[in-house]
Amino acid sequence: MNLKPLLLIPTLSLALLLTACAGPMPKQDPGEAWIGLQEEGNSDLMAERVDGKNINDGRYFEVTPGAHKLDVTLYEGATGDENEVDCQGNVNYQNFKAGERYKLVESSLGTHVSATLVDASGKEVAHTADFNCMPG
């Protein structure tokens, strides 16, 4: 029996999974606020939960107007080796507005890791406390 066709299934599955993550960003819903993520250097900032509920796409948040708690994970030194550090953080903001674009910007200085939520005009509207970080 030839095993080559059987090896094709996991390979194609992995390729499909990876291309799904790298797909185009969806269009913004005008009835919701959009929160993009910006990290520094070789870090990866991923959206995790809104108000305690897991989200489907770690590249952004989309929330209804009003107050929300956003949970994020930062993979600092995201190279996949033992030096990677996983950091958990959250930001609370009371006034998300429909149709507005926000950006959660990660900042690292030594062991101090935090993020700032800025509105479309670049004004800081909220800030995280220090992230809780553990070796990955």
N, C-alpha and C. Protein backbone atom coordinates (compact mmCIF):
# COMPACT_ATOMS: atom_id res chain seq x y z
N MET A 1 0.83 -1.18 0.00
CA MET A 1 0.00 0.00 0.00
C MET A 1 0.88 1.25 0.00
N ASN A 2 0.51 2.21 -0.80
CA ASN A 2 1.27 3.44 -0.92
C ASN A 2 0.76 4.45 0.12
N LEU A 3 1.66 4.97 0.98
CA LEU A 3 1.28 5.87 2.06
C LEU A 3 1.31 7.34 1.66
N LYS A 4 1.82 7.65 0.49
CA LYS A 4 1.92 9.06 0.07
C LYS A 4 0.57 9.77 0.08
N PRO A 5 -0.52 9.17 -0.42
CA PRO A 5 -1.81 9.86 -0.36
C PRO A 5 -2.26 10.14 1.07
N LEU A 6 -1.93 9.27 2.01
CA LEU A 6 -2.31 9.49 3.40
C LEU A 6 -1.56 10.66 4.02
N LEU A 7 -0.32 10.88 3.59
CA LEU A 7 0.45 12.01 4.09
C LEU A 7 -0.06 13.34 3.54
N LEU A 8 -0.74 13.29 2.43
CA LEU A 8 -1.26 14.50 1.81
C LEU A 8 -2.37 15.13 2.65
N ILE A 9 -3.16 14.34 3.35
CA ILE A 9 -4.29 14.85 4.13
C ILE A 9 -3.82 15.78 5.25
N PRO A 10 -2.87 15.38 6.13
CA PRO A 10 -2.43 16.32 7.16
C PRO A 10 -1.74 17.56 6.59
N THR A 11 -1.01 17.39 5.51
CA THR A 11 -0.32 18.52 4.90
C THR A 11 -1.32 19.54 4.38
N LEU A 12 -2.34 19.09 3.67
CA LEU A 12 -3.37 20.00 3.16
C LEU A 12 -4.15 20.64 4.29
N SER A 13 -4.43 19.89 5.34
CA SER A 13 -5.15 20.45 6.49
C SER A 13 -4.37 21.58 7.13
N LEU A 14 -3.08 21.38 7.32
CA LEU A 14 -2.23 22.41 7.89
C LEU A 14 -2.19 23.64 6.99
N ALA A 15 -2.07 23.44 5.71
CA ALA A 15 -2.03 24.56 4.76
C ALA A 15 -3.33 25.36 4.81
N LEU A 16 -4.46 24.68 4.88
CA LEU A 16 -5.74 25.37 4.96
C LEU A 16 -5.87 26.15 6.26
N LEU A 17 -5.43 25.56 7.36
CA LEU A 17 -5.48 26.23 8.65
C LEU A 17 -4.64 27.50 8.64
N LEU A 18 -3.44 27.43 8.12
CA LEU A 18 -2.55 28.59 8.10
C LEU A 18 -3.05 29.68 7.17
N THR A 19 -3.64 29.33 6.06
CA THR A 19 -4.14 30.36 5.15
C THR A 19 -5.40 31.01 5.70
N ALA A 20 -6.16 30.30 6.52
CA ALA A 20 -7.34 30.90 7.14
C ALA A 20 -6.93 32.01 8.09
N CYS A 21 -5.83 31.84 8.80
CA CYS A 21 -5.35 32.86 9.73
C CYS A 21 -4.81 34.08 8.98
N ALA A 22 -4.29 33.87 7.80
CA ALA A 22 -3.68 34.96 7.05
C ALA A 22 -4.62 35.58 6.04
N GLY A 23 -5.89 35.23 6.11
CA GLY A 23 -6.86 35.75 5.15
C GLY A 23 -7.07 37.25 5.31
N PRO A 24 -7.80 37.84 4.39
CA PRO A 24 -8.05 39.27 4.47
C PRO A 24 -8.91 39.61 5.68
N MET A 25 -8.72 40.81 6.18
CA MET A 25 -9.53 41.26 7.31
C MET A 25 -10.96 41.50 6.82
N PRO A 26 -11.93 41.12 7.62
CA PRO A 26 -13.31 41.37 7.23
C PRO A 26 -13.63 42.86 7.28
N LYS A 27 -14.71 43.25 6.63
CA LYS A 27 -15.13 44.66 6.65
C LYS A 27 -15.72 44.97 8.02
N GLN A 28 -15.53 46.21 8.43
CA GLN A 28 -16.04 46.67 9.71
C GLN A 28 -17.56 46.79 9.66
N ASP A 29 -18.22 46.30 10.69
CA ASP A 29 -19.67 46.46 10.86
C ASP A 29 -19.90 47.89 11.35
N PRO A 30 -20.66 48.72 10.62
CA PRO A 30 -20.84 50.11 11.03
C PRO A 30 -21.62 50.26 12.35
N GLY A 31 -22.28 49.21 12.79
CA GLY A 31 -23.01 49.26 14.05
C GLY A 31 -22.16 48.89 15.24
N GLU A 32 -20.88 48.57 15.01
CA GLU A 32 -19.99 48.16 16.09
C GLU A 32 -18.69 48.95 16.04
N ALA A 33 -17.96 48.90 17.13
CA ALA A 33 -16.63 49.51 17.20
C ALA A 33 -15.60 48.46 16.79
N TRP A 34 -14.55 48.88 16.11
CA TRP A 34 -13.49 47.99 15.65
C TRP A 34 -12.23 48.32 16.43
N ILE A 35 -11.58 47.29 16.97
CA ILE A 35 -10.35 47.49 17.72
C ILE A 35 -9.25 46.66 17.07
N GLY A 36 -8.30 47.33 16.44
CA GLY A 36 -7.15 46.67 15.85
C GLY A 36 -6.05 46.53 16.89
N LEU A 37 -5.05 45.71 16.60
CA LEU A 37 -3.95 45.44 17.53
C LEU A 37 -2.63 45.83 16.90
N GLN A 38 -1.74 46.43 17.71
CA GLN A 38 -0.41 46.81 17.21
C GLN A 38 0.62 46.41 18.25
N GLU A 39 1.58 45.58 17.83
CA GLU A 39 2.64 45.15 18.73
C GLU A 39 3.97 45.70 18.28
N GLU A 40 4.98 45.55 19.14
CA GLU A 40 6.33 46.00 18.82
C GLU A 40 7.19 44.82 18.40
N GLY A 41 8.21 45.09 17.59
CA GLY A 41 9.26 44.13 17.27
C GLY A 41 8.79 42.73 16.96
N ASN A 42 9.38 41.75 17.67
CA ASN A 42 9.07 40.35 17.38
C ASN A 42 8.02 39.80 18.36
N SER A 43 7.07 40.63 18.75
CA SER A 43 5.96 40.22 19.61
C SER A 43 4.71 40.01 18.77
N ASP A 44 3.83 39.16 19.27
CA ASP A 44 2.52 38.94 18.65
C ASP A 44 1.45 39.24 19.69
N LEU A 45 0.59 40.21 19.42
CA LEU A 45 -0.52 40.56 20.29
C LEU A 45 -1.78 39.94 19.70
N MET A 46 -2.45 39.12 20.49
CA MET A 46 -3.63 38.40 20.00
C MET A 46 -4.86 38.73 20.83
N ALA A 47 -5.97 39.02 20.16
CA ALA A 47 -7.25 39.22 20.82
C ALA A 47 -7.74 37.87 21.34
N GLU A 48 -8.21 37.81 22.57
CA GLU A 48 -8.65 36.55 23.17
C GLU A 48 -10.14 36.53 23.52
N ARG A 49 -10.58 37.49 24.36
CA ARG A 49 -11.96 37.47 24.85
C ARG A 49 -12.52 38.89 24.94
N VAL A 50 -13.84 38.99 24.76
CA VAL A 50 -14.58 40.22 25.03
C VAL A 50 -15.58 39.87 26.13
N ASP A 51 -15.49 40.59 27.23
CA ASP A 51 -16.39 40.36 28.37
C ASP A 51 -16.42 38.90 28.79
N GLY A 52 -15.25 38.25 28.74
CA GLY A 52 -15.13 36.86 29.17
C GLY A 52 -15.49 35.81 28.14
N LYS A 53 -15.95 36.23 26.96
CA LYS A 53 -16.34 35.28 25.91
C LYS A 53 -15.25 35.22 24.84
N ASN A 54 -14.83 34.01 24.47
CA ASN A 54 -13.80 33.83 23.44
C ASN A 54 -14.26 34.42 22.12
N ILE A 55 -13.29 34.93 21.35
CA ILE A 55 -13.61 35.47 20.03
C ILE A 55 -13.04 34.54 18.97
N ASN A 56 -13.52 34.70 17.75
CA ASN A 56 -13.17 33.80 16.65
C ASN A 56 -11.88 34.16 15.93
N ASP A 57 -11.51 35.43 15.90
CA ASP A 57 -10.36 35.88 15.12
C ASP A 57 -9.46 36.72 16.01
N GLY A 58 -8.26 36.23 16.30
CA GLY A 58 -7.36 36.90 17.22
C GLY A 58 -6.69 38.15 16.69
N ARG A 59 -7.02 38.55 15.46
CA ARG A 59 -6.37 39.73 14.87
C ARG A 59 -7.04 41.04 15.23
N TYR A 60 -8.26 41.01 15.76
CA TYR A 60 -8.99 42.24 16.05
C TYR A 60 -10.15 41.93 17.01
N PHE A 61 -10.73 43.00 17.55
CA PHE A 61 -11.97 42.92 18.31
C PHE A 61 -13.03 43.71 17.54
N GLU A 62 -14.26 43.31 17.66
CA GLU A 62 -15.39 44.09 17.19
C GLU A 62 -16.44 44.01 18.28
N VAL A 63 -16.86 45.17 18.80
CA VAL A 63 -17.76 45.20 19.96
C VAL A 63 -18.92 46.14 19.72
N THR A 64 -20.02 45.87 20.42
CA THR A 64 -21.17 46.75 20.39
C THR A 64 -20.83 48.04 21.14
N PRO A 65 -21.55 49.12 20.89
CA PRO A 65 -21.29 50.36 21.62
C PRO A 65 -21.45 50.15 23.13
N GLY A 66 -20.68 50.93 23.91
CA GLY A 66 -20.80 50.86 25.36
C GLY A 66 -19.53 50.35 26.02
N ALA A 67 -19.70 49.75 27.20
CA ALA A 67 -18.59 49.30 28.03
C ALA A 67 -18.21 47.85 27.73
N HIS A 68 -16.90 47.59 27.66
CA HIS A 68 -16.42 46.22 27.42
C HIS A 68 -15.06 46.01 28.07
N LYS A 69 -14.79 44.75 28.40
CA LYS A 69 -13.48 44.33 28.88
C LYS A 69 -12.86 43.48 27.78
N LEU A 70 -11.68 43.87 27.31
CA LEU A 70 -10.96 43.17 26.26
C LEU A 70 -9.78 42.44 26.86
N ASP A 71 -9.67 41.14 26.64
CA ASP A 71 -8.54 40.34 27.10
C ASP A 71 -7.63 40.02 25.93
N VAL A 72 -6.33 40.20 26.12
CA VAL A 72 -5.35 39.94 25.08
C VAL A 72 -4.22 39.08 25.62
N THR A 73 -3.55 38.39 24.70
CA THR A 73 -2.33 37.65 25.02
C THR A 73 -1.22 38.19 24.15
N LEU A 74 -0.09 38.45 24.77
CA LEU A 74 1.10 38.91 24.06
C LEU A 74 2.13 37.81 24.13
N TYR A 75 2.61 37.39 22.97
CA TYR A 75 3.70 36.42 22.88
C TYR A 75 4.95 37.24 22.59
N GLU A 76 5.72 37.53 23.62
CA GLU A 76 6.90 38.37 23.48
C GLU A 76 8.09 37.51 23.09
N GLY A 77 8.84 37.97 22.11
CA GLY A 77 9.94 37.16 21.58
C GLY A 77 9.36 35.99 20.82
N ALA A 78 8.33 36.25 20.02
CA ALA A 78 7.54 35.21 19.35
C ALA A 78 8.34 34.53 18.25
N THR A 79 9.25 33.67 18.67
CA THR A 79 10.06 32.92 17.71
C THR A 79 9.81 31.43 17.83
N GLY A 80 8.99 31.03 18.81
CA GLY A 80 8.67 29.62 18.97
C GLY A 80 9.69 28.85 19.78
N ASP A 81 10.71 29.52 20.33
CA ASP A 81 11.69 28.79 21.12
C ASP A 81 11.40 28.96 22.62
N GLU A 82 12.29 28.43 23.44
CA GLU A 82 12.08 28.45 24.88
C GLU A 82 12.22 29.84 25.50
N ASN A 83 12.69 30.83 24.76
CA ASN A 83 12.83 32.19 25.28
C ASN A 83 11.54 33.00 25.17
N GLU A 84 10.52 32.46 24.53
CA GLU A 84 9.26 33.17 24.37
C GLU A 84 8.59 33.36 25.72
N VAL A 85 7.96 34.52 25.90
CA VAL A 85 7.23 34.83 27.13
C VAL A 85 5.78 35.09 26.76
N ASP A 86 4.85 34.45 27.49
CA ASP A 86 3.41 34.65 27.28
C ASP A 86 2.91 35.62 28.33
N CYS A 87 2.24 36.69 27.89
CA CYS A 87 1.74 37.71 28.80
C CYS A 87 0.23 37.87 28.60
N GLN A 88 -0.49 37.98 29.71
CA GLN A 88 -1.94 38.18 29.68
C GLN A 88 -2.25 39.58 30.19
N GLY A 89 -3.14 40.26 29.50
CA GLY A 89 -3.54 41.59 29.93
C GLY A 89 -4.98 41.88 29.54
N ASN A 90 -5.52 42.95 30.09
CA ASN A 90 -6.88 43.34 29.71
C ASN A 90 -7.02 44.85 29.82
N VAL A 91 -8.00 45.35 29.11
CA VAL A 91 -8.32 46.77 29.16
C VAL A 91 -9.84 46.91 29.26
N ASN A 92 -10.25 47.81 30.12
CA ASN A 92 -11.66 48.13 30.27
C ASN A 92 -11.90 49.52 29.70
N TYR A 93 -12.94 49.66 28.89
CA TYR A 93 -13.28 50.97 28.35
C TYR A 93 -14.80 51.09 28.34
N GLN A 94 -15.29 52.24 28.77
CA GLN A 94 -16.73 52.43 28.99
C GLN A 94 -17.48 53.00 27.78
N ASN A 95 -16.78 53.62 26.82
CA ASN A 95 -17.47 54.42 25.79
C ASN A 95 -17.16 54.02 24.36
N PHE A 96 -17.12 52.74 24.05
CA PHE A 96 -16.94 52.35 22.65
C PHE A 96 -18.12 52.90 21.85
N LYS A 97 -17.81 53.46 20.68
CA LYS A 97 -18.84 54.06 19.83
C LYS A 97 -18.97 53.29 18.52
N ALA A 98 -20.20 53.13 18.07
CA ALA A 98 -20.48 52.44 16.81
C ALA A 98 -19.77 53.13 15.65
N GLY A 99 -19.18 52.33 14.76
CA GLY A 99 -18.52 52.86 13.58
C GLY A 99 -17.13 53.42 13.82
N GLU A 100 -16.70 53.51 15.06
CA GLU A 100 -15.39 54.06 15.38
C GLU A 100 -14.31 52.98 15.28
N ARG A 101 -13.09 53.43 14.97
CA ARG A 101 -11.94 52.54 14.94
C ARG A 101 -11.01 52.90 16.09
N TYR A 102 -10.59 51.88 16.81
CA TYR A 102 -9.66 52.02 17.93
C TYR A 102 -8.46 51.13 17.65
N LYS A 103 -7.38 51.39 18.40
CA LYS A 103 -6.20 50.55 18.26
C LYS A 103 -5.65 50.28 19.66
N LEU A 104 -5.35 49.02 19.94
CA LEU A 104 -4.70 48.63 21.18
C LEU A 104 -3.22 48.47 20.87
N VAL A 105 -2.39 49.35 21.45
CA VAL A 105 -0.97 49.43 21.12
C VAL A 105 -0.15 48.89 22.29
N GLU A 106 0.60 47.82 22.03
CA GLU A 106 1.45 47.19 23.05
C GLU A 106 2.72 48.01 23.22
N SER A 107 3.20 48.05 24.46
CA SER A 107 4.44 48.75 24.77
C SER A 107 5.23 47.91 25.77
N SER A 108 6.52 47.72 25.51
CA SER A 108 7.39 46.95 26.40
C SER A 108 8.62 47.77 26.74
N LEU A 109 8.96 47.76 28.01
CA LEU A 109 10.18 48.40 28.47
C LEU A 109 10.76 47.50 29.55
N GLY A 110 11.76 46.71 29.18
CA GLY A 110 12.30 45.72 30.10
C GLY A 110 11.25 44.67 30.42
N THR A 111 10.97 44.49 31.69
CA THR A 111 9.95 43.51 32.09
C THR A 111 8.57 44.14 32.19
N HIS A 112 8.47 45.43 31.98
CA HIS A 112 7.18 46.14 32.05
C HIS A 112 6.49 46.06 30.69
N VAL A 113 5.36 45.37 30.63
CA VAL A 113 4.58 45.23 29.40
C VAL A 113 3.18 45.77 29.66
N SER A 114 2.70 46.64 28.77
CA SER A 114 1.36 47.20 28.91
C SER A 114 0.81 47.49 27.52
N ALA A 115 -0.41 48.00 27.47
CA ALA A 115 -1.01 48.39 26.20
C ALA A 115 -1.89 49.61 26.42
N THR A 116 -1.98 50.43 25.39
CA THR A 116 -2.78 51.64 25.43
C THR A 116 -3.86 51.55 24.36
N LEU A 117 -5.08 51.88 24.72
CA LEU A 117 -6.18 51.93 23.75
C LEU A 117 -6.29 53.37 23.26
N VAL A 118 -6.16 53.56 21.95
CA VAL A 118 -6.27 54.89 21.36
C VAL A 118 -7.43 54.93 20.38
N ASP A 119 -8.06 56.10 20.26
CA ASP A 119 -9.17 56.26 19.33
C ASP A 119 -8.63 56.61 17.94
N ALA A 120 -9.52 56.87 17.01
CA ALA A 120 -9.13 57.12 15.61
C ALA A 120 -8.26 58.37 15.46
N SER A 121 -8.38 59.32 16.38
CA SER A 121 -7.57 60.54 16.30
C SER A 121 -6.23 60.38 17.01
N GLY A 122 -5.96 59.18 17.59
CA GLY A 122 -4.70 58.92 18.27
C GLY A 122 -4.71 59.29 19.74
N LYS A 123 -5.86 59.68 20.28
CA LYS A 123 -5.97 60.06 21.69
C LYS A 123 -6.09 58.82 22.56
N GLU A 124 -5.30 58.76 23.65
CA GLU A 124 -5.39 57.63 24.58
C GLU A 124 -6.72 57.71 25.32
N VAL A 125 -7.48 56.59 25.29
CA VAL A 125 -8.77 56.55 25.97
C VAL A 125 -8.79 55.54 27.11
N ALA A 126 -7.85 54.60 27.13
CA ALA A 126 -7.75 53.63 28.21
C ALA A 126 -6.36 53.02 28.20
N HIS A 127 -5.99 52.38 29.31
CA HIS A 127 -4.66 51.81 29.45
C HIS A 127 -4.77 50.56 30.29
N THR A 128 -3.99 49.54 29.94
CA THR A 128 -3.97 48.33 30.75
C THR A 128 -3.07 48.54 31.95
N ALA A 129 -3.27 47.71 32.96
CA ALA A 129 -2.27 47.58 34.02
C ALA A 129 -1.14 46.74 33.42
N ASP A 130 -0.10 46.50 34.18
CA ASP A 130 0.95 45.62 33.68
C ASP A 130 0.38 44.26 33.31
N PHE A 131 0.90 43.67 32.26
CA PHE A 131 0.53 42.33 31.86
C PHE A 131 1.13 41.33 32.87
N ASN A 132 0.48 40.20 33.05
CA ASN A 132 1.05 39.09 33.82
C ASN A 132 1.79 38.20 32.84
N CYS A 133 3.10 38.06 33.02
CA CYS A 133 3.92 37.33 32.07
C CYS A 133 4.55 36.09 32.70
N MET A 134 4.62 35.02 31.89
CA MET A 134 5.24 33.77 32.30
C MET A 134 6.05 33.22 31.13
N PRO A 135 7.18 32.57 31.41
CA PRO A 135 7.94 31.95 30.33
C PRO A 135 7.07 30.97 29.56
N GLY A 136 7.19 30.99 28.21
CA GLY A 136 6.39 30.12 27.36
C GLY A 136 7.00 28.79 27.26
